[in-house]
């Protein structure tokens, strides 16, 4: 399944904002439960890493989510929305 162009553009903007303001993500990750902090850091590392292939990043992030219990995934989804809101960017689907 192809990633819609508008989602790629949102992701690019979020990625640029996170690279320019890493402390914002760090502060919000610090507010997560202990069980959600490590996977949040893994996802952040994938998202802001050197690989800019959207499909590859999505695959890696999906693997992380697949390994987590539902309550942690729910917390990470809220974290993703909070991060977008804090950066003043549209929320990612």
PDB file of N, CA and C in Angstrom:
ATOM      1  N   UNK A   1       0.841  -1.183   0.000  1.00  0.00           N
ATOM      2  CA  UNK A   1       0.000   0.000   0.000  1.00  0.00           C
ATOM      3  C   UNK A   1       0.889   1.251   0.000  1.00  0.00           C
ATOM      4  N   UNK A   2       0.657   2.112  -0.934  1.00  0.00           N
ATOM      5  CA  UNK A   2       1.445   3.342  -1.059  1.00  0.00           C
ATOM      6  C   UNK A   2       1.053   4.346   0.030  1.00  0.00           C
ATOM      7  N   UNK A   3       2.044   5.092   0.459  1.00  0.00           N
ATOM      8  CA  UNK A   3       1.796   6.128   1.452  1.00  0.00           C
ATOM      9  C   UNK A   3       1.282   7.360   0.715  1.00  0.00           C
ATOM     10  N   UNK A   4       0.127   7.903   1.132  1.00  0.00           N
ATOM     11  CA  UNK A   4      -0.421   9.074   0.455  1.00  0.00           C
ATOM     12  C   UNK A   4       0.548  10.264   0.501  1.00  0.00           C
ATOM     13  N   UNK A   5       0.638  11.031  -0.588  1.00  0.00           N
ATOM     14  CA  UNK A   5       1.571  12.174  -0.638  1.00  0.00           C
ATOM     15  C   UNK A   5       1.379  13.176   0.496  1.00  0.00           C
ATOM     16  N   UNK A   6       0.130  13.418   0.919  1.00  0.00           N
ATOM     17  CA  UNK A   6      -0.095  14.390   1.995  1.00  0.00           C
ATOM     18  C   UNK A   6       0.477  13.880   3.324  1.00  0.00           C
ATOM     19  N   UNK A   7       0.466  12.565   3.524  1.00  0.00           N
ATOM     20  CA  UNK A   7       1.048  12.005   4.737  1.00  0.00           C
ATOM     21  C   UNK A   7       2.572  12.130   4.697  1.00  0.00           C
ATOM     22  N   UNK A   8       3.148  11.943   3.520  1.00  0.00           N
ATOM     23  CA  UNK A   8       4.602  12.096   3.367  1.00  0.00           C
ATOM     24  C   UNK A   8       5.007  13.538   3.663  1.00  0.00           C
ATOM     25  N   UNK A   9       4.242  14.491   3.175  1.00  0.00           N
ATOM     26  CA  UNK A   9       4.556  15.902   3.422  1.00  0.00           C
ATOM     27  C   UNK A   9       4.436  16.250   4.902  1.00  0.00           C
ATOM     28  N   UNK A  10       3.393  15.751   5.574  1.00  0.00           N
ATOM     29  CA  UNK A  10       3.249  15.995   7.012  1.00  0.00           C
ATOM     30  C   UNK A  10       4.426  15.401   7.773  1.00  0.00           C
ATOM     31  N   UNK A  11       4.801  14.188   7.375  1.00  0.00           N
ATOM     32  CA  UNK A  11       5.920  13.520   8.040  1.00  0.00           C
ATOM     33  C   UNK A  11       7.217  14.301   7.835  1.00  0.00           C
ATOM     34  N   UNK A  12       7.431  14.819   6.633  1.00  0.00           N
ATOM     35  CA  UNK A  12       8.637  15.611   6.367  1.00  0.00           C
ATOM     36  C   UNK A  12       8.689  16.850   7.255  1.00  0.00           C
ATOM     37  N   UNK A  13       7.552  17.532   7.383  1.00  0.00           N
ATOM     38  CA  UNK A  13       7.502  18.734   8.222  1.00  0.00           C
ATOM     39  C   UNK A  13       7.751  18.395   9.683  1.00  0.00           C
ATOM     40  N   UNK A  14       7.154  17.306  10.138  1.00  0.00           N
ATOM     41  CA  UNK A  14       7.351  16.884  11.522  1.00  0.00           C
ATOM     42  C   UNK A  14       8.807  16.492  11.748  1.00  0.00           C
ATOM     43  N   UNK A  15       9.367  15.766  10.814  1.00  0.00           N
ATOM     44  CA  UNK A  15      10.773  15.339  10.921  1.00  0.00           C
ATOM     45  C   UNK A  15      11.705  16.548  10.987  1.00  0.00           C
ATOM     46  N   UNK A  16      11.489  17.530  10.117  1.00  0.00           N
ATOM     47  CA  UNK A  16      12.316  18.740  10.123  1.00  0.00           C
ATOM     48  C   UNK A  16      12.183  19.487  11.448  1.00  0.00           C
ATOM     49  N   UNK A  17      10.955  19.587  11.948  1.00  0.00           N
ATOM     50  CA  UNK A  17      10.734  20.294  13.209  1.00  0.00           C
ATOM     51  C   UNK A  17      11.401  19.565  14.372  1.00  0.00           C
ATOM     52  N   UNK A  18      11.357  18.231  14.361  1.00  0.00           N
ATOM     53  CA  UNK A  18      11.986  17.464  15.432  1.00  0.00           C
ATOM     54  C   UNK A  18      13.505  17.570  15.383  1.00  0.00           C
ATOM     55  N   UNK A  19      14.051  17.568  14.187  1.00  0.00           N
ATOM     56  CA  UNK A  19      15.504  17.713  14.064  1.00  0.00           C
ATOM     57  C   UNK A  19      15.952  19.101  14.521  1.00  0.00           C
ATOM     58  N   UNK A  20      15.137  20.116  14.263  1.00  0.00           N
ATOM     59  CA  UNK A  20      15.478  21.485  14.652  1.00  0.00           C
ATOM     60  C   UNK A  20      15.247  21.736  16.146  1.00  0.00           C
ATOM     61  N   UNK A  21      14.330  20.961  16.758  1.00  0.00           N
ATOM     62  CA  UNK A  21      13.959  21.172  18.168  1.00  0.00           C
ATOM     63  C   UNK A  21      13.922  19.847  18.924  1.00  0.00           C
ATOM     64  N   UNK A  22      15.040  19.157  19.052  1.00  0.00           N
ATOM     65  CA  UNK A  22      15.009  17.834  19.689  1.00  0.00           C
ATOM     66  C   UNK A  22      14.566  17.854  21.151  1.00  0.00           C
ATOM     67  N   UNK A  23      14.737  18.957  21.822  1.00  0.00           N
ATOM     68  CA  UNK A  23      14.362  19.012  23.240  1.00  0.00           C
ATOM     69  C   UNK A  23      12.855  18.902  23.432  1.00  0.00           C
ATOM     70  N   UNK A  24      12.073  19.312  22.437  1.00  0.00           N
ATOM     71  CA  UNK A  24      10.620  19.204  22.552  1.00  0.00           C
ATOM     72  C   UNK A  24      10.219  17.740  22.669  1.00  0.00           C
ATOM     73  N   UNK A  25      10.752  16.904  21.798  1.00  0.00           N
ATOM     74  CA  UNK A  25      10.443  15.474  21.860  1.00  0.00           C
ATOM     75  C   UNK A  25      10.966  14.872  23.159  1.00  0.00           C
ATOM     76  N   UNK A  26      12.178  15.234  23.553  1.00  0.00           N
ATOM     77  CA  UNK A  26      12.753  14.696  24.789  1.00  0.00           C
ATOM     78  C   UNK A  26      11.891  15.041  25.993  1.00  0.00           C
ATOM     79  N   UNK A  27      11.407  16.277  26.057  1.00  0.00           N
ATOM     80  CA  UNK A  27      10.565  16.695  27.179  1.00  0.00           C
ATOM     81  C   UNK A  27       9.272  15.888  27.221  1.00  0.00           C
ATOM     82  N   UNK A  28       8.643  15.704  26.064  1.00  0.00           N
ATOM     83  CA  UNK A  28       7.385  14.958  26.029  1.00  0.00           C
ATOM     84  C   UNK A  28       7.609  13.468  26.304  1.00  0.00           C
ATOM     85  N   UNK A  29       8.695  12.915  25.816  1.00  0.00           N
ATOM     86  CA  UNK A  29       8.991  11.502  26.093  1.00  0.00           C
ATOM     87  C   UNK A  29       9.193  11.297  27.593  1.00  0.00           C
ATOM     88  N   UNK A  30       9.802  12.262  28.239  1.00  0.00           N
ATOM     89  CA  UNK A  30      10.018  12.178  29.683  1.00  0.00           C
ATOM     90  C   UNK A  30       8.736  12.127  30.482  1.00  0.00           C
ATOM     91  N   UNK A  31       7.629  12.554  29.898  1.00  0.00           N
ATOM     92  CA  UNK A  31       6.332  12.536  30.577  1.00  0.00           C
ATOM     93  C   UNK A  31       5.578  11.229  30.359  1.00  0.00           C
ATOM     94  N   UNK A  32       6.087  10.369  29.479  1.00  0.00           N
ATOM     95  CA  UNK A  32       5.433   9.085  29.222  1.00  0.00           C
ATOM     96  C   UNK A  32       5.702   8.110  30.363  1.00  0.00           C
ATOM     97  N   UNK A  33       4.890   7.059  30.415  1.00  0.00           N
ATOM     98  CA  UNK A  33       5.126   6.006  31.398  1.00  0.00           C
ATOM     99  C   UNK A  33       6.473   5.356  31.109  1.00  0.00           C
ATOM    100  N   UNK A  34       7.009   4.668  32.102  1.00  0.00           N
ATOM    101  CA  UNK A  34       8.304   4.002  31.936  1.00  0.00           C
ATOM    102  C   UNK A  34       8.261   3.013  30.779  1.00  0.00           C
ATOM    103  N   UNK A  35       7.148   2.317  30.608  1.00  0.00           N
ATOM    104  CA  UNK A  35       7.026   1.327  29.544  1.00  0.00           C
ATOM    105  C   UNK A  35       6.940   1.920  28.154  1.00  0.00           C
ATOM    106  N   UNK A  36       6.558   3.174  28.048  1.00  0.00           N
ATOM    107  CA  UNK A  36       6.410   3.815  26.738  1.00  0.00           C
ATOM    108  C   UNK A  36       7.638   4.623  26.331  1.00  0.00           C
ATOM    109  N   UNK A  37       8.488   4.943  27.277  1.00  0.00           N
ATOM    110  CA  UNK A  37       9.625   5.806  26.954  1.00  0.00           C
ATOM    111  C   UNK A  37      10.612   5.160  25.984  1.00  0.00           C
ATOM    112  N   UNK A  38      10.993   3.916  26.223  1.00  0.00           N
ATOM    113  CA  UNK A  38      11.982   3.264  25.347  1.00  0.00           C
ATOM    114  C   UNK A  38      11.458   3.116  23.921  1.00  0.00           C
ATOM    115  N   UNK A  39      10.228   2.609  23.720  1.00  0.00           N
ATOM    116  CA  UNK A  39       9.748   2.533  22.334  1.00  0.00           C
ATOM    117  C   UNK A  39       9.569   3.910  21.690  1.00  0.00           C
ATOM    118  N   UNK A  40       9.213   4.917  22.469  1.00  0.00           N
ATOM    119  CA  UNK A  40       9.089   6.269  21.917  1.00  0.00           C
ATOM    120  C   UNK A  40      10.445   6.754  21.420  1.00  0.00           C
ATOM    121  N   UNK A  41      11.493   6.460  22.163  1.00  0.00           N
ATOM    122  CA  UNK A  41      12.844   6.853  21.736  1.00  0.00           C
ATOM    123  C   UNK A  41      13.274   6.070  20.493  1.00  0.00           C
ATOM    124  N   UNK A  42      12.881   4.791  20.418  1.00  0.00           N
ATOM    125  CA  UNK A  42      13.191   3.992  19.229  1.00  0.00           C
ATOM    126  C   UNK A  42      12.502   4.587  18.001  1.00  0.00           C
ATOM    127  N   UNK A  43      11.235   4.925  18.149  1.00  0.00           N
ATOM    128  CA  UNK A  43      10.474   5.501  17.038  1.00  0.00           C
ATOM    129  C   UNK A  43      11.073   6.839  16.629  1.00  0.00           C
ATOM    130  N   UNK A  44      11.421   7.654  17.608  1.00  0.00           N
ATOM    131  CA  UNK A  44      12.042   8.948  17.314  1.00  0.00           C
ATOM    132  C   UNK A  44      13.353   8.765  16.558  1.00  0.00           C
ATOM    133  N   UNK A  45      14.144   7.785  16.962  1.00  0.00           N
ATOM    134  CA  UNK A  45      15.426   7.526  16.286  1.00  0.00           C
ATOM    135  C   UNK A  45      15.209   7.115  14.840  1.00  0.00           C
ATOM    136  N   UNK A  46      14.206   6.301  14.591  1.00  0.00           N
ATOM    137  CA  UNK A  46      13.887   5.901  13.210  1.00  0.00           C
ATOM    138  C   UNK A  46      13.427   7.132  12.428  1.00  0.00           C
ATOM    139  N   UNK A  47      12.531   7.887  13.035  1.00  0.00           N
ATOM    140  CA  UNK A  47      11.895   9.009  12.351  1.00  0.00           C
ATOM    141  C   UNK A  47      12.884  10.129  12.026  1.00  0.00           C
ATOM    142  N   UNK A  48      13.860  10.340  12.881  1.00  0.00           N
ATOM    143  CA  UNK A  48      14.808  11.432  12.665  1.00  0.00           C
ATOM    144  C   UNK A  48      16.163  10.929  12.173  1.00  0.00           C
ATOM    145  N   UNK A  49      16.268   9.635  11.899  1.00  0.00           N
ATOM    146  CA  UNK A  49      17.530   9.046  11.455  1.00  0.00           C
ATOM    147  C   UNK A  49      17.893   9.437  10.031  1.00  0.00           C
ATOM    148  N   UNK A  50      18.949   8.837   9.545  1.00  0.00           N
ATOM    149  CA  UNK A  50      19.475   9.166   8.222  1.00  0.00           C
ATOM    150  C   UNK A  50      18.628   8.628   7.073  1.00  0.00           C
ATOM    151  N   UNK A  51      17.862   7.563   7.312  1.00  0.00           N
ATOM    152  CA  UNK A  51      17.036   6.969   6.254  1.00  0.00           C
ATOM    153  C   UNK A  51      15.818   7.855   6.025  1.00  0.00           C
ATOM    154  N   UNK A  52      15.734   8.454   4.864  1.00  0.00           N
ATOM    155  CA  UNK A  52      14.601   9.334   4.577  1.00  0.00           C
ATOM    156  C   UNK A  52      13.558   8.667   3.680  1.00  0.00           C
ATOM    157  N   UNK A  53      13.658   7.348   3.517  1.00  0.00           N
ATOM    158  CA  UNK A  53      12.693   6.601   2.722  1.00  0.00           C
ATOM    159  C   UNK A  53      11.420   6.416   3.551  1.00  0.00           C
ATOM    160  N   UNK A  54      10.315   7.082   3.192  1.00  0.00           N
ATOM    161  CA  UNK A  54       9.092   6.999   3.991  1.00  0.00           C
ATOM    162  C   UNK A  54       8.589   5.564   4.191  1.00  0.00           C
ATOM    163  N   UNK A  55       8.638   4.756   3.161  1.00  0.00           N
ATOM    164  CA  UNK A  55       8.149   3.382   3.288  1.00  0.00           C
ATOM    165  C   UNK A  55       9.016   2.580   4.261  1.00  0.00           C
ATOM    166  N   UNK A  56      10.324   2.778   4.200  1.00  0.00           N
ATOM    167  CA  UNK A  56      11.227   2.083   5.105  1.00  0.00           C
ATOM    168  C   UNK A  56      11.028   2.509   6.550  1.00  0.00           C
ATOM    169  N   UNK A  57      10.851   3.812   6.765  1.00  0.00           N
ATOM    170  CA  UNK A  57      10.608   4.307   8.120  1.00  0.00           C
ATOM    171  C   UNK A  57       9.298   3.759   8.656  1.00  0.00           C
ATOM    172  N   UNK A  58       8.256   3.783   7.822  1.00  0.00           N
ATOM    173  CA  UNK A  58       6.951   3.279   8.256  1.00  0.00           C
ATOM    174  C   UNK A  58       7.046   1.806   8.625  1.00  0.00           C
ATOM    175  N   UNK A  59       7.763   1.038   7.837  1.00  0.00           N
ATOM    176  CA  UNK A  59       7.909  -0.395   8.114  1.00  0.00           C
ATOM    177  C   UNK A  59       8.601  -0.616   9.461  1.00  0.00           C
ATOM    178  N   UNK A  60       9.669   0.129   9.716  1.00  0.00           N
ATOM    179  CA  UNK A  60      10.388  -0.012  10.990  1.00  0.00           C
ATOM    180  C   UNK A  60       9.514   0.398  12.172  1.00  0.00           C
ATOM    181  N   UNK A  61       8.793   1.494  12.013  1.00  0.00           N
ATOM    182  CA  UNK A  61       7.928   1.976  13.095  1.00  0.00           C
ATOM    183  C   UNK A  61       6.775   1.009  13.320  1.00  0.00           C
ATOM    184  N   UNK A  62       6.211   0.472  12.248  1.00  0.00           N
ATOM    185  CA  UNK A  62       5.131  -0.514  12.387  1.00  0.00           C
ATOM    186  C   UNK A  62       5.613  -1.751  13.141  1.00  0.00           C
ATOM    187  N   UNK A  63       6.857  -2.170  12.906  1.00  0.00           N
ATOM    188  CA  UNK A  63       7.413  -3.325  13.624  1.00  0.00           C
ATOM    189  C   UNK A  63       7.519  -3.029  15.120  1.00  0.00           C
ATOM    190  N   UNK A  64       7.927  -1.827  15.452  1.00  0.00           N
ATOM    191  CA  UNK A  64       8.012  -1.450  16.869  1.00  0.00           C
ATOM    192  C   UNK A  64       6.629  -1.513  17.492  1.00  0.00           C
ATOM    193  N   UNK A  65       5.648  -0.902  16.831  1.00  0.00           N
ATOM    194  CA  UNK A  65       4.274  -0.907  17.360  1.00  0.00           C
ATOM    195  C   UNK A  65       3.736  -2.327  17.496  1.00  0.00           C
ATOM    196  N   UNK A  66       4.031  -3.188  16.543  1.00  0.00           N
ATOM    197  CA  UNK A  66       3.521  -4.558  16.564  1.00  0.00           C
ATOM    198  C   UNK A  66       4.046  -5.347  17.763  1.00  0.00           C
ATOM    199  N   UNK A  67       5.183  -4.941  18.299  1.00  0.00           N
ATOM    200  CA  UNK A  67       5.777  -5.665  19.419  1.00  0.00           C
ATOM    201  C   UNK A  67       5.277  -5.170  20.779  1.00  0.00           C
ATOM    202  N   UNK A  68       4.418  -4.163  20.784  1.00  0.00           N
ATOM    203  CA  UNK A  68       4.003  -3.524  22.035  1.00  0.00           C
ATOM    204  C   UNK A  68       2.575  -3.896  22.428  1.00  0.00           C
ATOM    205  N   UNK A  69       2.284  -3.878  23.727  1.00  0.00           N
ATOM    206  CA  UNK A  69       0.904  -4.098  24.165  1.00  0.00           C
ATOM    207  C   UNK A  69       0.014  -2.910  23.782  1.00  0.00           C
ATOM    208  N   UNK A  70      -1.272  -3.151  23.733  1.00  0.00           N
ATOM    209  CA  UNK A  70      -2.240  -2.143  23.291  1.00  0.00           C
ATOM    210  C   UNK A  70      -2.187  -0.862  24.117  1.00  0.00           C
ATOM    211  N   UNK A  71      -2.006  -0.990  25.432  1.00  0.00           N
ATOM    212  CA  UNK A  71      -2.004   0.216  26.260  1.00  0.00           C
ATOM    213  C   UNK A  71      -0.810   1.121  25.954  1.00  0.00           C
ATOM    214  N   UNK A  72       0.335   0.531  25.640  1.00  0.00           N
ATOM    215  CA  UNK A  72       1.510   1.335  25.282  1.00  0.00           C
ATOM    216  C   UNK A  72       1.296   1.982  23.918  1.00  0.00           C
ATOM    217  N   UNK A  73       0.735   1.242  22.966  1.00  0.00           N
ATOM    218  CA  UNK A  73       0.446   1.829  21.657  1.00  0.00           C
ATOM    219  C   UNK A  73      -0.533   2.989  21.775  1.00  0.00           C
ATOM    220  N   UNK A  74      -1.518   2.854  22.636  1.00  0.00           N
ATOM    221  CA  UNK A  74      -2.486   3.942  22.841  1.00  0.00           C
ATOM    222  C   UNK A  74      -1.786   5.170  23.415  1.00  0.00           C
ATOM    223  N   UNK A  75      -0.902   4.950  24.366  1.00  0.00           N
ATOM    224  CA  UNK A  75      -0.145   6.062  24.957  1.00  0.00           C
ATOM    225  C   UNK A  75       0.755   6.721  23.909  1.00  0.00           C
ATOM    226  N   UNK A  76       1.392   5.914  23.060  1.00  0.00           N
ATOM    227  CA  UNK A  76       2.263   6.467  22.015  1.00  0.00           C
ATOM    228  C   UNK A  76       1.465   7.238  20.967  1.00  0.00           C
ATOM    229  N   UNK A  77       0.249   6.796  20.675  1.00  0.00           N
ATOM    230  CA  UNK A  77      -0.606   7.524  19.734  1.00  0.00           C
ATOM    231  C   UNK A  77      -0.938   8.909  20.287  1.00  0.00           C
ATOM    232  N   UNK A  78      -1.274   8.966  21.570  1.00  0.00           N
ATOM    233  CA  UNK A  78      -1.550  10.261  22.203  1.00  0.00           C
ATOM    234  C   UNK A  78      -0.287  11.130  22.192  1.00  0.00           C
ATOM    235  N   UNK A  79       0.852  10.506  22.467  1.00  0.00           N
ATOM    236  CA  UNK A  79       2.128  11.232  22.458  1.00  0.00           C
ATOM    237  C   UNK A  79       2.388  11.837  21.076  1.00  0.00           C
ATOM    238  N   UNK A  80       2.138  11.059  20.016  1.00  0.00           N
ATOM    239  CA  UNK A  80       2.348  11.546  18.648  1.00  0.00           C
ATOM    240  C   UNK A  80       1.474  12.779  18.394  1.00  0.00           C
ATOM    241  N   UNK A  81       0.224  12.730  18.841  1.00  0.00           N
ATOM    242  CA  UNK A  81      -0.675  13.876  18.659  1.00  0.00           C
ATOM    243  C   UNK A  81      -0.223  15.072  19.490  1.00  0.00           C
ATOM    244  N   UNK A  82       0.191  14.820  20.731  1.00  0.00           N
ATOM    245  CA  UNK A  82       0.681  15.906  21.585  1.00  0.00           C
ATOM    246  C   UNK A  82       1.915  16.572  20.971  1.00  0.00           C
ATOM    247  N   UNK A  83       2.788  15.762  20.397  1.00  0.00           N
ATOM    248  CA  UNK A  83       4.005  16.283  19.766  1.00  0.00           C
ATOM    249  C   UNK A  83       3.662  17.166  18.564  1.00  0.00           C
ATOM    250  N   UNK A  84       2.750  16.695  17.718  1.00  0.00           N
ATOM    251  CA  UNK A  84       2.320  17.504  16.566  1.00  0.00           C
ATOM    252  C   UNK A  84       1.714  18.818  17.033  1.00  0.00           C
ATOM    253  N   UNK A  85       0.858  18.747  18.065  1.00  0.00           N
ATOM    254  CA  UNK A  85       0.227  19.956  18.598  1.00  0.00           C
ATOM    255  C   UNK A  85       1.269  20.929  19.149  1.00  0.00           C
ATOM    256  N   UNK A  86       2.242  20.403  19.878  1.00  0.00           N
ATOM    257  CA  UNK A  86       3.283  21.246  20.486  1.00  0.00           C
ATOM    258  C   UNK A  86       4.118  21.956  19.406  1.00  0.00           C
ATOM    259  N   UNK A  87       4.325  21.257  18.294  1.00  0.00           N
ATOM    260  CA  UNK A  87       5.102  21.841  17.197  1.00  0.00           C
ATOM    261  C   UNK A  87       4.243  22.679  16.256  1.00  0.00           C
ATOM    262  N   UNK A  88       2.938  22.719  16.480  1.00  0.00           N
ATOM    263  CA  UNK A  88       2.036  23.498  15.643  1.00  0.00           C
ATOM    264  C   UNK A  88       1.853  22.916  14.255  1.00  0.00           C
ATOM    265  N   UNK A  89       1.917  21.584  14.155  1.00  0.00           N
ATOM    266  CA  UNK A  89       1.787  20.896  12.869  1.00  0.00           C
ATOM    267  C   UNK A  89       0.535  20.045  12.852  1.00  0.00           C
ATOM    268  N   UNK A  90       0.005  19.757  11.662  1.00  0.00           N
ATOM    269  CA  UNK A  90      -1.164  18.879  11.581  1.00  0.00           C
ATOM    270  C   UNK A  90      -0.822  17.499  12.153  1.00  0.00           C
ATOM    271  N   UNK A  91      -1.803  16.892  12.779  1.00  0.00           N
ATOM    272  CA  UNK A  91      -1.614  15.555  13.342  1.00  0.00           C
ATOM    273  C   UNK A  91      -1.419  14.521  12.252  1.00  0.00           C
ATOM    274  N   UNK A  92      -0.574  13.545  12.547  1.00  0.00           N
ATOM    275  CA  UNK A  92      -0.336  12.439  11.618  1.00  0.00           C
ATOM    276  C   UNK A  92      -1.437  11.405  11.817  1.00  0.00           C
ATOM    277  N   UNK A  93      -1.871  10.778  10.726  1.00  0.00           N
ATOM    278  CA  UNK A  93      -2.900   9.726  10.876  1.00  0.00           C
ATOM    279  C   UNK A  93      -2.334   8.490  11.537  1.00  0.00           C
TER     280      UNK A  93
END
